[in-house]
Amino acid sequence: MPELPEVETVKRTLSELIVGKTIQDVVITLPRIIQRPDDIEEFRHTLTGQTFEGVERRGKFLRLILEDDVIVSHLRMEGRYGMFEKGAPVDKHTHVRFVFTDKTELRYTDVRQFGTMHIFLKGTEFNHLPLRQLGPEPLDDAFTVKVLQSKLSSIRAVKTQLLDQTKIVGLGNIYVDEVLFRAGVHPEKPAHTITQEEAEAIHDSVVVILQEAVDAGGSSVKSYVNGQGEMGLFQQQLNVYGRKNEPCYTCGSIITRSIVGGRGTHICPSCQPAERKVHV
């Protein structure tokens, strides 16, 4: 699933591709992608004639900003956007096509078919799900160690808390594993037992790793590409994620993989000393 760095990269590339383009028609071939309104003809009618004014990100969600409305889009596992010339062959996994007046198309493809789109009147999208429930942005200046600590008051594992989008947005499996490795914290440590020193280390790791990943265009671990079809490069800097049975770059110990909160989890057992089992 694309995480904050990947969605931020898609946001930036889409901004270059669609701002100023006017929608002539919308073609929808998989109605369940459209979550709001529940009538795809209303979705189509509402957007037709509007011009894209910007693209923003909130957590793992894209906000495609039009003159009157906002499309809130979640890519889920494998959703992606791409620009095509009108009339170009349509991939069988293309489910929504925004046809522009300049004879180009923004196409949404999704092999797994888990992505979603909602329309809201511009300015009201934060008052409704899915955006209403989201936690703070980890790359904002307002995200301090104190804010992080307030999100860790739980008996659940620290990894589980960091993955919870109502606590902090944008962190998924890849970056939580990398953050906890850099901070030297075991993912199963109870969140409410995190010390001041550990909280500071986690906070700093979140900020540094996410910014580095954004600068690298995200991580193309599976099928992720940006809006221009380009892969990210941060996967070349991963220390533990996806490196089961390989030596730790820091100490040489073998990276192990376990399940925490239902998610595959990679650690260095020497750099991240084990903690007792907790509720996950």
Protein backbone atom coordinates (compact mmCIF):
# COMPACT_ATOMS: atom_id res chain seq x y z
CA MET A 1 0.00 0.00 0.00
CA PRO A 2 1.38 3.44 -0.86
CA GLU A 3 2.38 5.28 2.32
CA LEU A 4 2.98 8.98 2.95
CA PRO A 5 6.12 9.33 0.78
CA GLU A 6 4.53 7.55 -2.17
CA VAL A 7 1.26 9.50 -1.95
CA GLU A 8 3.18 12.76 -1.57
CA THR A 9 5.12 11.91 -4.73
CA VAL A 10 1.91 11.08 -6.62
CA LYS A 11 0.47 14.39 -5.41
CA ARG A 12 3.41 16.33 -6.77
CA THR A 13 3.43 14.60 -10.15
CA LEU A 14 -0.34 14.86 -10.56
CA SER A 15 -0.14 18.58 -9.80
CA GLU A 16 2.08 18.96 -12.87
CA LEU A 17 -0.22 16.83 -15.02
CA ILE A 18 -3.82 17.88 -14.31
CA VAL A 19 -3.98 21.41 -12.87
CA GLY A 20 -5.79 23.62 -15.36
CA LYS A 21 -7.43 20.74 -17.22
CA THR A 22 -11.22 20.73 -17.61
CA ILE A 23 -13.28 17.54 -17.35
CA GLN A 24 -15.39 16.84 -20.42
CA ASP A 25 -16.64 13.44 -19.27
CA VAL A 26 -16.06 10.73 -16.65
CA VAL A 27 -16.13 7.05 -17.61
CA ILE A 28 -16.65 4.60 -14.73
CA THR A 29 -16.41 0.85 -15.30
CA LEU A 30 -16.20 -0.31 -11.67
CA PRO A 31 -18.94 1.48 -9.69
CA ARG A 32 -17.77 0.35 -6.25
CA ILE A 33 -14.68 2.56 -6.54
CA ILE A 34 -17.08 5.51 -6.18
CA GLN A 35 -18.05 5.70 -2.49
CA ARG A 36 -19.75 9.11 -2.50
CA PRO A 37 -22.19 9.81 -4.02
CA ASP A 38 -23.67 6.33 -4.32
CA ASP A 39 -24.98 7.11 -7.81
CA ILE A 40 -22.20 7.03 -10.41
CA GLU A 41 -24.23 9.17 -12.78
CA GLU A 42 -24.37 11.87 -10.09
CA PHE A 43 -20.59 11.53 -9.68
CA ARG A 44 -20.17 11.98 -13.44
CA HIS A 45 -22.63 14.87 -13.69
CA THR A 46 -21.12 16.72 -10.72
CA LEU A 47 -17.59 16.65 -12.13
CA THR A 48 -18.32 17.33 -15.80
CA GLY A 49 -17.32 20.88 -16.76
CA GLN A 50 -15.15 21.48 -13.69
CA THR A 51 -11.45 22.36 -13.88
CA PHE A 52 -8.75 20.95 -11.60
CA GLU A 53 -7.22 23.70 -9.45
CA GLY A 54 -4.78 21.68 -7.33
CA VAL A 55 -3.77 18.41 -5.74
CA GLU A 56 -3.10 18.04 -2.01
CA ARG A 57 -2.43 15.16 0.38
CA ARG A 58 -3.88 14.28 3.79
CA GLY A 59 -2.20 11.22 5.24
CA LYS A 60 -2.46 8.50 2.60
CA PHE A 61 -5.36 10.27 0.86
CA LEU A 62 -5.17 12.50 -2.21
CA ARG A 63 -7.38 15.59 -2.47
CA LEU A 64 -8.04 16.40 -6.13
CA ILE A 65 -9.31 19.97 -5.92
CA LEU A 66 -11.80 21.28 -8.48
CA GLU A 67 -13.62 24.61 -8.78
CA ASP A 68 -16.57 23.57 -6.62
CA ASP A 69 -15.78 20.12 -5.27
CA VAL A 70 -12.97 17.92 -3.99
CA ILE A 71 -12.34 14.29 -4.89
CA VAL A 72 -10.87 12.42 -1.92
CA SER A 73 -9.00 9.43 -3.34
CA HIS A 74 -7.34 6.50 -1.56
CA LEU A 75 -5.06 4.26 -3.63
CA ARG A 76 -5.25 1.32 -1.20
CA MET A 77 -3.02 -1.58 -2.25
CA GLU A 78 -2.23 -0.97 -5.92
CA GLY A 79 -4.22 1.99 -7.20
CA ARG A 80 -2.42 4.37 -9.54
CA TYR A 81 -3.09 7.38 -11.75
CA GLY A 82 -1.64 8.01 -15.19
CA MET A 83 -2.07 10.45 -18.08
CA PHE A 84 -2.93 9.19 -21.55
CA GLU A 85 -3.88 10.56 -24.92
CA LYS A 86 -7.59 10.17 -25.66
CA GLY A 87 -8.04 7.03 -27.75
CA ALA A 88 -4.97 5.23 -26.36
CA PRO A 89 -5.61 1.54 -25.56
CA VAL A 90 -7.36 1.12 -22.20
CA ASP A 91 -5.87 -1.39 -19.76
CA LYS A 92 -8.37 -3.94 -18.45
CA HIS A 93 -7.67 -2.76 -14.89
CA THR A 94 -8.63 0.85 -15.67
CA HIS A 95 -11.78 1.65 -13.68
CA VAL A 96 -12.20 5.45 -13.87
CA ARG A 97 -11.26 7.77 -16.74
CA PHE A 98 -11.39 11.56 -16.46
CA VAL A 99 -11.65 12.71 -20.09
CA PHE A 100 -10.37 16.27 -20.57
CA THR A 101 -11.31 18.87 -23.14
CA ASP A 102 -7.73 18.90 -24.49
CA LYS A 103 -8.07 15.27 -25.66
CA THR A 104 -6.06 13.78 -22.80
CA GLU A 105 -7.29 11.50 -20.01
CA LEU A 106 -6.41 10.91 -16.38
CA ARG A 107 -6.92 7.19 -15.79
CA TYR A 108 -7.24 5.37 -12.50
CA THR A 109 -6.13 1.73 -12.62
CA ASP A 110 -6.33 -0.73 -9.75
CA VAL A 111 -5.51 -4.42 -10.09
CA ARG A 112 -6.75 -5.23 -6.59
CA GLN A 113 -9.83 -2.99 -6.92
CA PHE A 114 -9.62 -1.70 -3.33
CA GLY A 115 -9.23 2.03 -4.09
CA THR A 116 -11.94 4.55 -3.25
CA MET A 117 -13.16 7.99 -4.38
CA HIS A 118 -15.47 10.39 -2.54
CA ILE A 119 -16.79 13.77 -3.72
CA PHE A 120 -17.35 16.58 -1.21
CA LEU A 121 -18.26 20.21 -1.61
CA LYS A 122 -14.94 22.04 -1.43
CA GLY A 123 -14.12 22.99 2.16
CA THR A 124 -16.37 20.39 3.76
CA GLU A 125 -14.26 17.29 3.14
CA PHE A 126 -12.57 17.47 6.55
CA ASN A 127 -15.94 17.32 8.31
CA HIS A 128 -16.70 13.84 6.99
CA LEU A 129 -15.18 10.38 6.89
CA PRO A 130 -12.66 9.34 5.79
CA LEU A 131 -10.65 12.54 6.48
CA ARG A 132 -12.41 13.51 9.72
CA GLN A 133 -10.87 10.71 11.77
CA LEU A 134 -7.23 11.18 10.77
CA GLY A 135 -4.40 11.93 13.19
CA PRO A 136 -1.66 14.58 12.86
CA GLU A 137 0.71 14.87 9.90
CA PRO A 138 4.19 13.66 10.92
CA LEU A 139 6.02 16.13 8.64
CA ASP A 140 4.20 19.17 10.03
CA ASP A 141 6.03 21.39 12.51
CA ALA A 142 3.17 20.82 14.95
CA PHE A 143 4.14 17.14 15.21
CA THR A 144 6.32 17.26 18.32
CA VAL A 145 7.65 14.63 20.70
CA LYS A 146 4.87 15.60 23.11
CA VAL A 147 2.24 15.01 20.43
CA LEU A 148 3.77 11.63 19.64
CA GLN A 149 3.75 10.64 23.30
CA SER A 150 0.06 11.52 23.57
CA LYS A 151 -0.63 8.98 20.80
CA LEU A 152 1.24 6.18 22.57
CA SER A 153 -0.93 5.87 25.70
CA SER A 154 -2.04 2.32 25.01
CA ILE A 155 -1.22 -1.23 26.08
CA ARG A 156 -1.03 -2.13 22.40
CA ALA A 157 2.32 -2.71 20.74
CA VAL A 158 4.11 0.43 19.66
CA LYS A 159 4.07 -0.78 16.05
CA THR A 160 0.29 -1.18 16.16
CA GLN A 161 -0.11 2.36 17.49
CA LEU A 162 2.14 3.84 14.84
CA LEU A 163 0.16 2.07 12.11
CA ASP A 164 -3.13 3.47 13.41
CA GLN A 165 -4.08 6.33 11.07
CA THR A 166 -6.27 7.92 13.75
CA LYS A 167 -3.11 8.40 15.86
CA ILE A 168 -0.55 9.49 13.22
CA VAL A 169 -1.15 9.53 9.48
CA GLY A 170 0.95 8.26 6.64
CA LEU A 171 2.94 5.49 8.30
CA GLY A 172 2.48 1.98 6.92
CA ASN A 173 4.30 -1.30 7.32
CA ILE A 174 7.46 -0.36 5.45
CA TYR A 175 8.20 2.87 7.29
CA VAL A 176 7.15 1.72 10.76
CA ASP A 177 9.63 -1.16 10.52
CA GLU A 178 12.33 1.26 9.40
CA VAL A 179 11.47 3.85 12.06
CA LEU A 180 11.58 1.36 14.92
CA PHE A 181 14.86 -0.10 13.68
CA ARG A 182 16.51 3.31 13.51
CA ALA A 183 15.11 4.17 16.96
CA GLY A 184 16.32 0.84 18.41
CA VAL A 185 12.85 -0.05 19.70
CA HIS A 186 11.27 -3.50 19.51
CA PRO A 187 7.90 -3.37 17.70
CA GLU A 188 6.13 -5.39 20.39
CA LYS A 189 7.05 -3.05 23.23
CA PRO A 190 3.85 -1.75 24.90
CA ALA A 191 3.29 1.76 23.60
CA HIS A 192 2.55 3.22 27.04
CA THR A 193 5.95 2.04 28.33
CA ILE A 194 7.95 3.99 25.75
CA THR A 195 10.47 6.14 27.61
CA GLN A 196 11.20 9.80 26.95
CA GLU A 197 14.46 8.86 25.25
CA GLU A 198 12.70 6.27 23.07
CA ALA A 199 9.93 8.70 22.18
CA GLU A 200 12.49 11.25 21.06
CA ALA A 201 14.28 8.61 18.99
CA ILE A 202 11.03 7.45 17.36
CA HIS A 203 9.96 11.02 16.64
CA ASP A 204 13.27 11.91 15.04
CA SER A 205 13.28 8.68 13.03
CA VAL A 206 9.75 9.29 11.73
CA VAL A 207 10.63 12.76 10.51
CA VAL A 208 14.01 11.86 9.01
CA ILE A 209 12.92 8.63 7.31
CA LEU A 210 9.73 10.06 5.82
CA GLN A 211 11.56 13.12 4.50
CA GLU A 212 14.33 10.97 3.03
CA ALA A 213 11.72 8.75 1.40
CA VAL A 214 9.87 11.75 -0.04
CA ASP A 215 13.14 13.07 -1.44
CA ALA A 216 13.77 9.66 -3.05
CA GLY A 217 10.31 9.54 -4.62
CA GLY A 218 9.03 6.81 -2.28
CA SER A 219 9.70 3.07 -2.21
CA SER A 220 8.86 0.86 -5.18
CA VAL A 221 8.78 -2.39 -3.22
CA LYS A 222 5.93 -3.90 -5.25
CA SER A 223 3.99 -2.13 -7.99
CA TYR A 224 4.17 1.54 -6.93
CA VAL A 225 4.95 4.18 -9.56
CA ASN A 226 4.21 7.91 -9.48
CA GLY A 227 1.77 9.76 -11.71
CA GLN A 228 4.36 9.83 -14.49
CA GLY A 229 5.03 6.09 -14.32
CA GLU A 230 8.36 6.45 -12.53
CA MET A 231 9.57 4.19 -9.71
CA GLY A 232 10.70 5.43 -6.31
CA LEU A 233 14.25 4.78 -5.07
CA PHE A 234 13.99 4.65 -1.27
CA GLN A 235 13.81 0.83 -1.30
CA GLN A 236 17.56 0.97 -1.90
CA GLN A 237 17.95 2.50 1.59
CA LEU A 238 15.79 0.07 3.58
CA ASN A 239 17.59 -1.41 6.58
CA VAL A 240 15.20 -4.16 7.67
CA TYR A 241 11.97 -4.24 5.67
CA GLY A 242 12.00 -7.10 3.16
CA ARG A 243 15.46 -8.26 4.31
CA LYS A 244 14.55 -11.46 6.19
CA ASN A 245 17.57 -13.75 6.72
CA GLU A 246 19.98 -11.05 5.53
CA PRO A 247 22.67 -9.52 7.79
CA CYS A 248 21.98 -6.23 9.57
CA TYR A 249 24.02 -3.42 8.05
CA THR A 250 24.78 -2.12 11.54
CA CYS A 251 25.76 -5.19 13.56
CA GLY A 252 25.73 -8.17 11.21
CA SER A 253 22.96 -10.05 13.04
CA ILE A 254 20.40 -11.81 10.87
CA ILE A 255 17.18 -9.90 10.19
CA THR A 256 14.12 -11.82 11.36
CA ARG A 257 10.46 -11.63 10.37
CA SER A 258 7.45 -12.17 12.63
CA ILE A 259 3.81 -11.10 12.79
CA VAL A 260 2.79 -8.13 14.94
CA GLY A 261 -0.82 -7.02 14.87
CA GLY A 262 -1.42 -9.14 11.80
CA ARG A 263 1.38 -7.44 9.87
CA GLY A 264 4.66 -8.91 8.70
CA THR A 265 7.37 -7.28 10.80
CA HIS A 266 11.13 -7.13 10.24
CA ILE A 267 13.66 -6.48 13.00
CA CYS A 268 17.29 -6.84 13.92
CA PRO A 269 17.17 -8.84 17.19
CA SER A 270 20.43 -7.28 18.36
CA CYS A 271 19.67 -3.63 17.55
CA GLN A 272 16.06 -3.96 18.81
CA PRO A 273 16.11 -6.03 22.03
CA ALA A 274 13.02 -8.17 22.57
CA GLU A 275 10.18 -7.05 24.81
CA ARG A 276 7.48 -9.09 26.47
CA LYS A 277 4.42 -10.02 24.41
CA VAL A 278 1.55 -7.52 24.46
CA HIS A 279 -1.95 -7.08 23.11
CA VAL A 280 -1.67 -6.20 19.43
